[in-house]
N, C-alpha and C. Protein backbone atom coordinates (compact mmCIF):
# COMPACT_ATOMS: atom_id res chain seq x y z
N MET A 1 3.32 -68.47 41.25
CA MET A 1 2.68 -68.93 40.03
C MET A 1 3.48 -70.12 39.49
N ARG A 2 2.85 -71.23 39.26
CA ARG A 2 3.52 -72.40 38.72
C ARG A 2 4.10 -72.09 37.35
N SER A 3 5.16 -72.79 36.99
CA SER A 3 5.85 -72.53 35.73
C SER A 3 4.91 -72.66 34.53
N ASP A 4 4.08 -73.74 34.51
CA ASP A 4 3.16 -73.94 33.39
C ASP A 4 2.15 -72.81 33.29
N SER A 5 1.66 -72.34 34.44
CA SER A 5 0.68 -71.27 34.39
C SER A 5 1.35 -69.95 34.00
N PHE A 6 2.63 -69.75 34.36
CA PHE A 6 3.34 -68.55 33.93
C PHE A 6 3.56 -68.56 32.42
N VAL A 7 3.91 -69.71 31.87
CA VAL A 7 4.06 -69.83 30.41
C VAL A 7 2.74 -69.50 29.73
N ALA A 8 1.65 -70.05 30.24
CA ALA A 8 0.32 -69.76 29.66
C ALA A 8 0.01 -68.27 29.76
N PHE A 9 0.35 -67.64 30.89
CA PHE A 9 0.13 -66.21 31.06
C PHE A 9 0.94 -65.42 30.04
N VAL A 10 2.21 -65.76 29.86
CA VAL A 10 3.07 -65.07 28.88
C VAL A 10 2.48 -65.20 27.48
N LEU A 11 2.09 -66.40 27.12
CA LEU A 11 1.53 -66.62 25.78
C LEU A 11 0.23 -65.84 25.58
N GLU A 12 -0.58 -65.77 26.60
CA GLU A 12 -1.82 -64.99 26.50
C GLU A 12 -1.50 -63.51 26.30
N GLN A 13 -0.54 -63.01 27.04
CA GLN A 13 -0.16 -61.60 26.93
C GLN A 13 0.46 -61.28 25.57
N LEU A 14 1.08 -62.26 24.95
CA LEU A 14 1.73 -62.07 23.66
C LEU A 14 0.85 -62.47 22.47
N SER A 15 -0.42 -62.65 22.71
CA SER A 15 -1.31 -63.13 21.64
C SER A 15 -1.31 -62.21 20.42
N GLY A 16 -0.91 -60.96 20.55
CA GLY A 16 -0.86 -60.04 19.42
C GLY A 16 0.40 -60.17 18.58
N VAL A 17 1.33 -61.02 18.98
CA VAL A 17 2.57 -61.21 18.22
C VAL A 17 2.29 -62.13 17.04
N GLU A 18 2.59 -61.65 15.88
CA GLU A 18 2.35 -62.41 14.66
C GLU A 18 3.21 -63.68 14.64
N GLY A 19 2.60 -64.81 14.34
CA GLY A 19 3.33 -66.08 14.24
C GLY A 19 3.90 -66.57 15.56
N LEU A 20 3.27 -66.22 16.69
CA LEU A 20 3.78 -66.59 18.00
C LEU A 20 3.89 -68.11 18.13
N GLY A 21 5.04 -68.53 18.60
CA GLY A 21 5.28 -69.94 18.86
C GLY A 21 6.01 -70.11 20.17
N CYS A 22 5.91 -71.30 20.73
CA CYS A 22 6.55 -71.61 22.00
C CYS A 22 7.05 -73.05 21.93
N ARG A 23 8.34 -73.25 22.22
CA ARG A 23 8.91 -74.60 22.17
C ARG A 23 9.70 -74.86 23.45
N ALA A 24 9.61 -76.09 23.94
CA ALA A 24 10.38 -76.48 25.12
C ALA A 24 11.86 -76.48 24.78
N MET A 25 12.67 -75.84 25.64
CA MET A 25 14.13 -75.82 25.47
C MET A 25 14.78 -75.27 26.73
N PHE A 26 16.04 -75.57 26.93
CA PHE A 26 16.82 -75.09 28.07
C PHE A 26 16.12 -75.40 29.40
N GLY A 27 15.31 -76.42 29.45
CA GLY A 27 14.55 -76.69 30.67
C GLY A 27 13.41 -75.71 30.88
N GLY A 28 13.17 -74.86 29.88
CA GLY A 28 12.09 -73.87 29.92
C GLY A 28 11.39 -73.86 28.57
N HIS A 29 11.06 -72.65 28.10
CA HIS A 29 10.37 -72.51 26.82
C HIS A 29 10.95 -71.35 26.03
N GLY A 30 11.16 -71.58 24.74
CA GLY A 30 11.61 -70.52 23.85
C GLY A 30 10.42 -69.87 23.19
N LEU A 31 10.47 -68.55 23.01
CA LEU A 31 9.39 -67.79 22.38
C LEU A 31 9.84 -67.37 20.99
N TYR A 32 8.97 -67.56 20.03
CA TYR A 32 9.26 -67.27 18.64
C TYR A 32 8.18 -66.41 18.01
N SER A 33 8.59 -65.63 17.04
CA SER A 33 7.67 -64.99 16.11
C SER A 33 8.10 -65.51 14.76
N GLY A 34 7.32 -66.45 14.22
CA GLY A 34 7.78 -67.14 13.02
C GLY A 34 9.11 -67.81 13.34
N PRO A 35 10.15 -67.58 12.52
CA PRO A 35 11.46 -68.18 12.79
C PRO A 35 12.32 -67.39 13.77
N THR A 36 11.85 -66.22 14.20
CA THR A 36 12.66 -65.34 15.05
C THR A 36 12.51 -65.71 16.53
N PHE A 37 13.62 -66.10 17.13
CA PHE A 37 13.67 -66.44 18.55
C PHE A 37 13.87 -65.15 19.33
N PHE A 38 12.93 -64.79 20.21
CA PHE A 38 13.02 -63.50 20.88
C PHE A 38 12.91 -63.54 22.40
N GLY A 39 12.61 -64.68 22.97
CA GLY A 39 12.47 -64.71 24.42
C GLY A 39 12.55 -66.11 24.99
N ILE A 40 12.75 -66.15 26.30
CA ILE A 40 12.85 -67.42 27.03
C ILE A 40 12.02 -67.29 28.30
N VAL A 41 11.24 -68.33 28.59
CA VAL A 41 10.53 -68.42 29.87
C VAL A 41 11.15 -69.60 30.60
N SER A 42 11.68 -69.33 31.79
CA SER A 42 12.34 -70.38 32.55
C SER A 42 12.19 -70.12 34.04
N GLU A 43 11.75 -71.13 34.77
CA GLU A 43 11.61 -71.06 36.22
C GLU A 43 10.83 -69.83 36.68
N GLY A 44 9.73 -69.54 35.99
CA GLY A 44 8.87 -68.44 36.36
C GLY A 44 9.44 -67.06 36.05
N ARG A 45 10.41 -67.01 35.18
CA ARG A 45 11.03 -65.73 34.80
C ARG A 45 10.99 -65.58 33.29
N LEU A 46 10.87 -64.33 32.85
CA LEU A 46 10.84 -64.02 31.43
C LEU A 46 12.13 -63.30 31.05
N TYR A 47 12.79 -63.78 30.01
CA TYR A 47 14.01 -63.18 29.48
C TYR A 47 13.73 -62.76 28.05
N LEU A 48 14.16 -61.54 27.69
CA LEU A 48 13.95 -61.04 26.33
C LEU A 48 15.28 -60.77 25.64
N LYS A 49 15.26 -60.87 24.33
CA LYS A 49 16.44 -60.60 23.51
C LYS A 49 16.84 -59.14 23.64
N THR A 50 18.13 -58.90 23.81
CA THR A 50 18.68 -57.56 23.89
C THR A 50 19.80 -57.41 22.88
N ASP A 51 20.34 -56.23 22.78
CA ASP A 51 21.54 -56.00 21.98
C ASP A 51 22.42 -55.00 22.72
N GLY A 52 23.48 -54.55 22.09
CA GLY A 52 24.42 -53.64 22.73
C GLY A 52 23.81 -52.33 23.19
N SER A 53 22.72 -51.92 22.56
CA SER A 53 22.10 -50.65 22.95
C SER A 53 21.07 -50.82 24.07
N THR A 54 20.55 -52.01 24.28
CA THR A 54 19.51 -52.21 25.29
C THR A 54 19.98 -53.00 26.51
N ALA A 55 20.95 -53.89 26.35
CA ALA A 55 21.42 -54.71 27.48
C ALA A 55 21.91 -53.86 28.66
N PRO A 56 22.62 -52.73 28.43
CA PRO A 56 23.09 -51.94 29.58
C PRO A 56 21.98 -51.47 30.51
N GLU A 57 20.80 -51.22 29.99
CA GLU A 57 19.69 -50.79 30.84
C GLU A 57 19.23 -51.94 31.75
N TYR A 58 19.23 -53.15 31.23
CA TYR A 58 18.90 -54.30 32.07
C TYR A 58 19.94 -54.45 33.18
N VAL A 59 21.21 -54.32 32.82
CA VAL A 59 22.29 -54.43 33.81
C VAL A 59 22.16 -53.32 34.85
N ARG A 60 21.87 -52.10 34.42
CA ARG A 60 21.70 -50.98 35.34
C ARG A 60 20.61 -51.27 36.37
N ARG A 61 19.58 -52.00 35.96
CA ARG A 61 18.47 -52.33 36.86
C ARG A 61 18.73 -53.59 37.68
N GLY A 62 19.94 -54.14 37.57
CA GLY A 62 20.31 -55.31 38.36
C GLY A 62 19.87 -56.63 37.78
N MET A 63 19.43 -56.64 36.53
CA MET A 63 19.00 -57.88 35.90
C MET A 63 20.22 -58.65 35.39
N ARG A 64 20.07 -59.94 35.34
CA ARG A 64 21.16 -60.81 34.92
C ARG A 64 20.77 -61.52 33.63
N PRO A 65 21.79 -61.95 32.87
CA PRO A 65 21.50 -62.71 31.65
C PRO A 65 21.02 -64.12 32.00
N PHE A 66 20.42 -64.75 31.03
CA PHE A 66 19.90 -66.11 31.19
C PHE A 66 21.06 -67.09 31.29
N ARG A 67 20.96 -68.01 32.25
CA ARG A 67 21.96 -69.06 32.46
C ARG A 67 21.28 -70.42 32.36
N PRO A 68 21.34 -71.06 31.20
CA PRO A 68 20.71 -72.38 31.10
C PRO A 68 21.43 -73.45 31.92
N SER A 69 22.70 -73.20 32.27
CA SER A 69 23.47 -74.11 33.11
C SER A 69 24.54 -73.30 33.85
N ASP A 70 25.20 -73.94 34.78
CA ASP A 70 26.26 -73.26 35.53
C ASP A 70 27.42 -72.84 34.63
N ARG A 71 27.59 -73.52 33.52
CA ARG A 71 28.72 -73.24 32.63
C ARG A 71 28.36 -72.41 31.41
N GLN A 72 27.11 -72.10 31.23
CA GLN A 72 26.68 -71.37 30.03
C GLN A 72 25.86 -70.14 30.40
N VAL A 73 26.19 -69.02 29.76
CA VAL A 73 25.46 -67.77 29.96
C VAL A 73 25.10 -67.21 28.59
N LEU A 74 23.83 -66.86 28.39
CA LEU A 74 23.39 -66.25 27.14
C LEU A 74 23.31 -64.74 27.38
N HIS A 75 24.34 -64.02 27.00
CA HIS A 75 24.47 -62.59 27.29
C HIS A 75 23.54 -61.70 26.48
N THR A 76 22.76 -62.25 25.58
CA THR A 76 21.83 -61.42 24.81
C THR A 76 20.39 -61.59 25.28
N TYR A 77 20.16 -62.38 26.32
CA TYR A 77 18.82 -62.56 26.88
C TYR A 77 18.85 -62.17 28.35
N TYR A 78 18.12 -61.10 28.69
CA TYR A 78 18.09 -60.61 30.06
C TYR A 78 16.69 -60.73 30.65
N GLU A 79 16.66 -60.97 31.97
CA GLU A 79 15.38 -61.07 32.67
C GLU A 79 14.67 -59.73 32.66
N VAL A 80 13.36 -59.78 32.46
CA VAL A 80 12.54 -58.58 32.51
C VAL A 80 12.38 -58.17 33.98
N PRO A 81 12.70 -56.92 34.32
CA PRO A 81 12.58 -56.48 35.72
C PRO A 81 11.13 -56.55 36.21
N PRO A 82 10.93 -56.94 37.46
CA PRO A 82 9.57 -57.06 38.01
C PRO A 82 8.75 -55.78 37.90
N ASP A 83 9.39 -54.61 38.02
CA ASP A 83 8.63 -53.36 37.98
C ASP A 83 8.22 -52.94 36.58
N VAL A 84 8.58 -53.74 35.58
CA VAL A 84 8.26 -53.40 34.19
C VAL A 84 7.16 -54.32 33.65
N ARG A 85 6.61 -55.16 34.50
CA ARG A 85 5.64 -56.16 34.04
C ARG A 85 4.50 -55.58 33.21
N ALA A 86 4.06 -54.36 33.49
CA ALA A 86 2.92 -53.78 32.77
C ALA A 86 3.20 -53.63 31.29
N GLY A 87 4.42 -53.30 30.90
CA GLY A 87 4.71 -53.05 29.49
C GLY A 87 5.54 -54.12 28.82
N TRP A 88 5.74 -55.25 29.50
CA TRP A 88 6.65 -56.24 28.93
C TRP A 88 6.13 -56.91 27.67
N ALA A 89 4.84 -57.06 27.53
CA ALA A 89 4.33 -57.71 26.32
C ALA A 89 4.65 -56.88 25.09
N ASP A 90 4.51 -55.57 25.17
CA ASP A 90 4.88 -54.72 24.04
C ASP A 90 6.38 -54.76 23.82
N ALA A 91 7.17 -54.79 24.90
CA ALA A 91 8.62 -54.87 24.77
C ALA A 91 9.01 -56.17 24.08
N ALA A 92 8.34 -57.26 24.42
CA ALA A 92 8.63 -58.54 23.79
C ALA A 92 8.28 -58.51 22.31
N ALA A 93 7.16 -57.89 22.00
CA ALA A 93 6.76 -57.79 20.59
C ALA A 93 7.78 -56.97 19.80
N ARG A 94 8.31 -55.91 20.42
CA ARG A 94 9.35 -55.13 19.75
C ARG A 94 10.60 -55.97 19.56
N ALA A 95 10.93 -56.79 20.55
CA ALA A 95 12.10 -57.66 20.44
C ALA A 95 11.94 -58.61 19.27
N ALA A 96 10.74 -59.08 19.08
CA ALA A 96 10.47 -60.01 17.99
C ALA A 96 10.28 -59.29 16.67
N GLY A 97 10.04 -57.97 16.73
CA GLY A 97 9.74 -57.23 15.51
C GLY A 97 8.44 -57.72 14.92
N ALA A 98 7.53 -58.12 15.80
CA ALA A 98 6.39 -58.88 15.32
C ALA A 98 5.02 -58.34 15.67
N ARG A 99 4.94 -57.22 16.37
CA ARG A 99 3.61 -56.69 16.67
C ARG A 99 2.97 -56.36 15.35
N ARG A 100 1.78 -56.78 15.15
CA ARG A 100 1.10 -56.56 13.87
C ARG A 100 1.13 -55.08 13.51
N GLY A 101 1.64 -54.78 12.31
CA GLY A 101 1.64 -53.41 11.81
C GLY A 101 2.76 -52.54 12.35
N SER A 102 3.80 -53.14 12.97
CA SER A 102 4.89 -52.31 13.49
C SER A 102 6.23 -52.82 13.02
N ARG A 103 7.24 -52.00 13.20
CA ARG A 103 8.61 -52.37 12.90
C ARG A 103 9.28 -52.77 14.21
N GLY A 104 10.14 -53.78 14.16
CA GLY A 104 10.77 -54.25 15.39
C GLY A 104 12.12 -53.64 15.66
N ASN A 105 12.52 -53.70 16.91
CA ASN A 105 13.87 -53.41 17.34
C ASN A 105 14.11 -54.21 18.60
N ARG A 106 15.29 -54.12 19.15
CA ARG A 106 15.59 -54.87 20.35
C ARG A 106 14.85 -54.26 21.54
N THR A 107 14.77 -55.00 22.59
CA THR A 107 13.91 -54.65 23.70
C THR A 107 14.58 -53.70 24.70
N ALA A 108 14.09 -52.50 24.76
CA ALA A 108 14.53 -51.54 25.77
C ALA A 108 13.66 -51.70 27.01
N VAL A 109 14.27 -51.54 28.15
CA VAL A 109 13.53 -51.60 29.41
C VAL A 109 13.05 -50.20 29.74
N ARG A 110 11.78 -50.08 30.00
CA ARG A 110 11.21 -48.80 30.39
C ARG A 110 10.47 -49.01 31.70
N GLY A 111 10.49 -48.00 32.52
CA GLY A 111 9.72 -48.17 33.74
C GLY A 111 10.07 -47.16 34.78
């Protein structure tokens, strides 16, 4: 899937996120809910915001943090595992705290 079409796919899947925005950055795209930055799409991969309680599950599944360059690592954004694709849109909405009518928290990986 081409990068542009993957970004379009991600945005379509996240259409239920209140105030959804997408901006070019890091050679990819940043995902926002209003002012809240909650995800990154880069090189056909989706990375979601994590915290100390959710990042270990991404690590356990062999996922790595986002690396915008060889010298920089964003340890709070982890790639969504391929086997979790079915529920990632809801996970992203939770990361943003932005699903209409819900309370947010950081993104746990389930699958």
